[in-house]
Amino acid sequence: MVKGKVAKVTEGQNGGVVVEAEDILNGGKVNLEVDMLVLATGMESSLKGVPMPDVVQLDENGFVAPNLQKHGILSAGVAKFPGDVNSSIQDSTGTALKAIQTVVGN
């Protein structure tokens, strides 16, 4: 398995798929012939077009952008940006710590 940014997909000689991608984890460019290719689709906010309370501001894509919020309104994970599970967990942990600091006053 390779986690990467796909640049090009072509048909292989043996009926498979040839993938040209940037390997995010190991760095560099890879060219692989594979039997199956799974591409992630784009993520759209489920809040887009939903009426929100006046204190919560959404960006143009329907995400709760931190730079648009009033003091004390925090967003985390995929409410803030389209991301994978690991990024969402890291961001949510950081936001929880920020909330604690806000309440405690440090």
C-alpha atoms as a PDB file:
ATOM      1  CA  MET A   1       0.000   0.000   0.000  1.00  0.00           C
ATOM      2  CA  VAL A   2       1.211   3.483  -0.860  1.00  0.00           C
ATOM      3  CA  LYS A   3      -0.192   6.675   0.584  1.00  0.00           C
ATOM      4  CA  GLY A   4       0.379   9.361  -1.952  1.00  0.00           C
ATOM      5  CA  LYS A   5      -0.800  12.036  -4.295  1.00  0.00           C
ATOM      6  CA  VAL A   6      -1.734  10.465  -7.616  1.00  0.00           C
ATOM      7  CA  ALA A   7      -0.401  12.300 -10.676  1.00  0.00           C
ATOM      8  CA  LYS A   8      -1.377   9.897 -13.451  1.00  0.00           C
ATOM      9  CA  VAL A   9      -3.282   6.635 -13.973  1.00  0.00           C
ATOM     10  CA  THR A  10      -2.903   4.553 -17.146  1.00  0.00           C
ATOM     11  CA  GLU A  11      -3.777   1.039 -18.299  1.00  0.00           C
ATOM     12  CA  GLY A  12      -1.041  -1.523 -17.674  1.00  0.00           C
ATOM     13  CA  GLN A  13       0.223  -4.216 -20.050  1.00  0.00           C
ATOM     14  CA  ASN A  14      -1.321  -7.096 -18.058  1.00  0.00           C
ATOM     15  CA  GLY A  15      -4.766  -5.528 -17.690  1.00  0.00           C
ATOM     16  CA  GLY A  16      -3.868  -3.855 -14.416  1.00  0.00           C
ATOM     17  CA  VAL A  17      -3.506  -0.189 -13.632  1.00  0.00           C
ATOM     18  CA  VAL A  18      -0.257   1.803 -13.715  1.00  0.00           C
ATOM     19  CA  VAL A  19      -0.176   4.516 -11.088  1.00  0.00           C
ATOM     20  CA  GLU A  20       2.282   7.389 -11.011  1.00  0.00           C
ATOM     21  CA  ALA A  21       2.215   9.052  -7.597  1.00  0.00           C
ATOM     22  CA  GLU A  22       4.164  10.996  -5.028  1.00  0.00           C
ATOM     23  CA  ASP A  23       4.802   8.748  -2.007  1.00  0.00           C
ATOM     24  CA  ILE A  24       3.917  10.966   0.959  1.00  0.00           C
ATOM     25  CA  LEU A  25       5.368   8.718   3.667  1.00  0.00           C
ATOM     26  CA  ASN A  26       8.702   7.754   2.067  1.00  0.00           C
ATOM     27  CA  GLY A  27       9.161  10.704  -0.255  1.00  0.00           C
ATOM     28  CA  GLY A  28       9.863  10.495  -3.932  1.00  0.00           C
ATOM     29  CA  LYS A  29       7.942   9.466  -6.983  1.00  0.00           C
ATOM     30  CA  VAL A  30       6.645   5.918  -7.507  1.00  0.00           C
ATOM     31  CA  ASN A  31       5.442   4.119 -10.617  1.00  0.00           C
ATOM     32  CA  LEU A  32       3.521   0.952  -9.786  1.00  0.00           C
ATOM     33  CA  GLU A  33       1.401  -1.519 -11.711  1.00  0.00           C
ATOM     34  CA  VAL A  34      -1.420  -2.613  -9.426  1.00  0.00           C
ATOM     35  CA  ASP A  35      -4.519  -4.810  -9.610  1.00  0.00           C
ATOM     36  CA  MET A  36      -6.690  -2.315  -7.772  1.00  0.00           C
ATOM     37  CA  LEU A  37      -6.561   1.415  -7.153  1.00  0.00           C
ATOM     38  CA  VAL A  38      -8.577   3.148  -4.436  1.00  0.00           C
ATOM     39  CA  LEU A  39      -8.851   6.924  -4.674  1.00  0.00           C
ATOM     40  CA  ALA A  40     -10.255   9.073  -1.893  1.00  0.00           C
ATOM     41  CA  THR A  41     -13.068  11.354  -2.894  1.00  0.00           C
ATOM     42  CA  GLY A  42     -13.385  14.960  -1.853  1.00  0.00           C
ATOM     43  CA  MET A  43     -15.084  15.816   1.417  1.00  0.00           C
ATOM     44  CA  GLU A  44     -17.906  18.312   1.648  1.00  0.00           C
ATOM     45  CA  SER A  45     -19.108  19.870   4.871  1.00  0.00           C
ATOM     46  CA  SER A  46     -22.481  18.619   6.088  1.00  0.00           C
ATOM     47  CA  LEU A  47     -23.046  22.115   7.512  1.00  0.00           C
ATOM     48  CA  LYS A  48     -22.999  23.784   4.082  1.00  0.00           C
ATOM     49  CA  GLY A  49     -26.347  25.486   3.550  1.00  0.00           C
ATOM     50  CA  VAL A  50     -27.596  24.656   7.055  1.00  0.00           C
ATOM     51  CA  PRO A  51     -28.794  27.650   9.104  1.00  0.00           C
ATOM     52  CA  MET A  52     -26.352  28.226  11.969  1.00  0.00           C
ATOM     53  CA  PRO A  53     -26.626  30.372  15.111  1.00  0.00           C
ATOM     54  CA  ASP A  54     -25.247  33.872  14.571  1.00  0.00           C
ATOM     55  CA  VAL A  55     -22.228  33.163  16.794  1.00  0.00           C
ATOM     56  CA  VAL A  56     -20.965  30.389  14.488  1.00  0.00           C
ATOM     57  CA  GLN A  57     -19.505  31.547  11.175  1.00  0.00           C
ATOM     58  CA  LEU A  58     -18.894  29.175   8.262  1.00  0.00           C
ATOM     59  CA  ASP A  59     -16.333  29.701   5.518  1.00  0.00           C
ATOM     60  CA  GLU A  60     -17.229  29.609   1.814  1.00  0.00           C
ATOM     61  CA  ASN A  61     -17.073  25.774   1.821  1.00  0.00           C
ATOM     62  CA  GLY A  62     -19.312  25.308   4.873  1.00  0.00           C
ATOM     63  CA  PHE A  63     -16.568  24.542   7.405  1.00  0.00           C
ATOM     64  CA  VAL A  64     -16.326  26.227  10.822  1.00  0.00           C
ATOM     65  CA  ALA A  65     -13.233  28.333  10.189  1.00  0.00           C
ATOM     66  CA  PRO A  66     -11.382  29.233  13.416  1.00  0.00           C
ATOM     67  CA  ASN A  67     -10.301  32.673  12.148  1.00  0.00           C
ATOM     68  CA  LEU A  68     -13.970  33.682  11.694  1.00  0.00           C
ATOM     69  CA  GLN A  69     -15.127  32.771  15.221  1.00  0.00           C
ATOM     70  CA  LYS A  70     -15.621  34.981  18.237  1.00  0.00           C
ATOM     71  CA  HIS A  71     -13.554  34.329  21.371  1.00  0.00           C
ATOM     72  CA  GLY A  72     -14.659  31.092  23.039  1.00  0.00           C
ATOM     73  CA  ILE A  73     -16.045  29.447  19.881  1.00  0.00           C
ATOM     74  CA  LEU A  74     -13.699  26.626  18.891  1.00  0.00           C
ATOM     75  CA  SER A  75     -13.927  24.173  16.013  1.00  0.00           C
ATOM     76  CA  ALA A  76     -12.083  20.903  15.603  1.00  0.00           C
ATOM     77  CA  GLY A  77     -11.466  18.078  13.173  1.00  0.00           C
ATOM     78  CA  VAL A  78     -13.622  17.756  10.075  1.00  0.00           C
ATOM     79  CA  ALA A  79     -15.911  20.550  11.272  1.00  0.00           C
ATOM     80  CA  LYS A  80     -12.904  22.823  10.642  1.00  0.00           C
ATOM     81  CA  PHE A  81     -11.397  21.287   7.479  1.00  0.00           C
ATOM     82  CA  PRO A  82     -11.647  18.213   5.256  1.00  0.00           C
ATOM     83  CA  GLY A  83      -9.078  15.797   6.636  1.00  0.00           C
ATOM     84  CA  ASP A  84      -8.232  12.224   7.427  1.00  0.00           C
ATOM     85  CA  VAL A  85      -8.837  10.492  10.741  1.00  0.00           C
ATOM     86  CA  ASN A  86      -5.315  11.018  12.083  1.00  0.00           C
ATOM     87  CA  SER A  87      -5.322  14.753  11.307  1.00  0.00           C
ATOM     88  CA  SER A  88      -8.779  15.127  12.848  1.00  0.00           C
ATOM     89  CA  ILE A  89      -7.727  13.390  16.058  1.00  0.00           C
ATOM     90  CA  GLN A  90      -4.591  15.537  16.372  1.00  0.00           C
ATOM     91  CA  ASP A  91      -6.523  18.722  15.704  1.00  0.00           C
ATOM     92  CA  SER A  92      -9.290  17.766  18.142  1.00  0.00           C
ATOM     93  CA  THR A  93      -6.745  17.058  20.871  1.00  0.00           C
ATOM     94  CA  GLY A  94      -5.145  20.463  20.313  1.00  0.00           C
ATOM     95  CA  THR A  95      -8.536  22.171  20.348  1.00  0.00           C
ATOM     96  CA  ALA A  96      -9.488  20.415  23.606  1.00  0.00           C
ATOM     97  CA  LEU A  97      -6.279  21.700  25.194  1.00  0.00           C
ATOM     98  CA  LYS A  98      -7.023  25.194  23.897  1.00  0.00           C
ATOM     99  CA  ALA A  99     -10.512  25.002  25.436  1.00  0.00           C
ATOM    100  CA  ILE A 100      -9.031  23.994  28.797  1.00  0.00           C
ATOM    101  CA  GLN A 101      -6.572  26.896  28.622  1.00  0.00           C
ATOM    102  CA  THR A 102      -9.413  29.289  27.778  1.00  0.00           C
ATOM    103  CA  VAL A 103     -11.496  28.145  30.763  1.00  0.00           C
ATOM    104  CA  VAL A 104      -8.566  28.067  33.192  1.00  0.00           C
ATOM    105  CA  GLY A 105      -7.218  31.357  31.861  1.00  0.00           C
ATOM    106  CA  ASN A 106      -3.628  30.446  30.965  1.00  0.00           C
END
